[in-house]
Amino acid sequence: MGLARIALQKGDALAAIAHASNGVQAGGGNRARLLLADAYTKAKQHREAIEQYRMVLKFDASNT
């Protein structure tokens, strides 16, 4: 997830999506999903971002 965060800081949303997706698949949980949602938002892929934010809430409804 560190690589995804760095990619986002550098403005490379597509690389951040790739790294955050790997984090989700590797079991990174809600932290990885939030990072993925943020990357999708930066890439203006809002439907995908909303889907990830909903998944976060599904697994942790107190995360608002």
Protein backbone atom coordinates (compact mmCIF):
# COMPACT_ATOMS: atom_id res chain seq x y z
CA MET A 1 0.00 0.00 0.00
CA GLY A 2 2.98 2.27 0.43
CA LEU A 3 3.59 2.27 -3.33
CA ALA A 4 -0.03 3.21 -3.94
CA ARG A 5 0.23 6.11 -1.50
CA ILE A 6 3.44 7.35 -3.14
CA ALA A 7 1.88 7.09 -6.60
CA LEU A 8 -1.08 9.15 -5.41
CA GLN A 9 1.23 11.78 -3.94
CA LYS A 10 3.03 12.00 -7.27
CA GLY A 11 -0.30 12.36 -9.10
CA ASP A 12 -0.14 8.97 -10.83
CA ALA A 13 -3.66 7.75 -10.12
CA LEU A 14 -3.47 4.79 -12.50
CA ALA A 15 -0.36 3.40 -10.82
CA ALA A 16 -2.01 3.99 -7.45
CA ILE A 17 -5.04 2.00 -8.61
CA ALA A 18 -2.82 -0.89 -9.67
CA HIS A 19 -0.89 -0.95 -6.40
CA ALA A 20 -3.97 -0.49 -4.20
CA SER A 21 -5.80 -3.25 -6.10
CA ASN A 22 -2.89 -5.55 -5.34
CA GLY A 23 -3.20 -4.53 -1.70
CA VAL A 24 -6.90 -5.40 -1.64
CA GLN A 25 -6.23 -8.78 -3.27
CA ALA A 26 -3.44 -9.47 -0.78
CA GLY A 27 -5.83 -8.97 2.13
CA GLY A 28 -5.10 -5.34 2.97
CA GLY A 29 -8.65 -4.87 4.21
CA ASN A 30 -10.38 -1.54 4.55
CA ARG A 31 -7.15 0.48 4.57
CA ALA A 32 -6.37 -0.86 1.09
CA ARG A 33 -9.96 -0.31 -0.07
CA LEU A 34 -9.93 3.31 1.12
CA LEU A 35 -6.69 3.93 -0.70
CA LEU A 36 -8.14 2.29 -3.81
CA ALA A 37 -11.26 4.44 -3.56
CA ASP A 38 -9.12 7.57 -3.24
CA ALA A 39 -7.10 6.54 -6.29
CA TYR A 40 -10.28 5.95 -8.30
CA THR A 41 -11.52 9.37 -7.23
CA LYS A 42 -8.28 11.02 -8.40
CA ALA A 43 -8.64 9.18 -11.72
CA LYS A 44 -12.22 10.47 -12.02
CA GLN A 45 -13.53 6.89 -11.97
CA HIS A 46 -16.30 7.79 -9.58
CA ARG A 47 -18.46 4.67 -9.92
CA GLU A 48 -15.53 2.46 -8.97
CA ALA A 49 -14.67 4.78 -6.08
CA ILE A 50 -18.22 4.65 -4.75
CA GLU A 51 -18.20 0.87 -4.99
CA GLN A 52 -15.04 0.70 -2.88
CA TYR A 53 -16.37 3.19 -0.31
CA ARG A 54 -19.53 1.07 -0.02
CA MET A 55 -17.43 -2.05 0.54
CA VAL A 56 -15.60 -0.28 3.36
CA LEU A 57 -18.91 0.61 5.00
CA LYS A 58 -20.21 -2.91 4.50
CA PHE A 59 -17.32 -4.34 6.51
CA ASP A 60 -17.05 -1.46 9.01
CA ALA A 61 -20.19 0.62 9.32
CA SER A 62 -18.52 2.84 11.92
CA ASN A 63 -15.99 4.04 9.33
CA THR A 64 -17.72 7.28 8.33
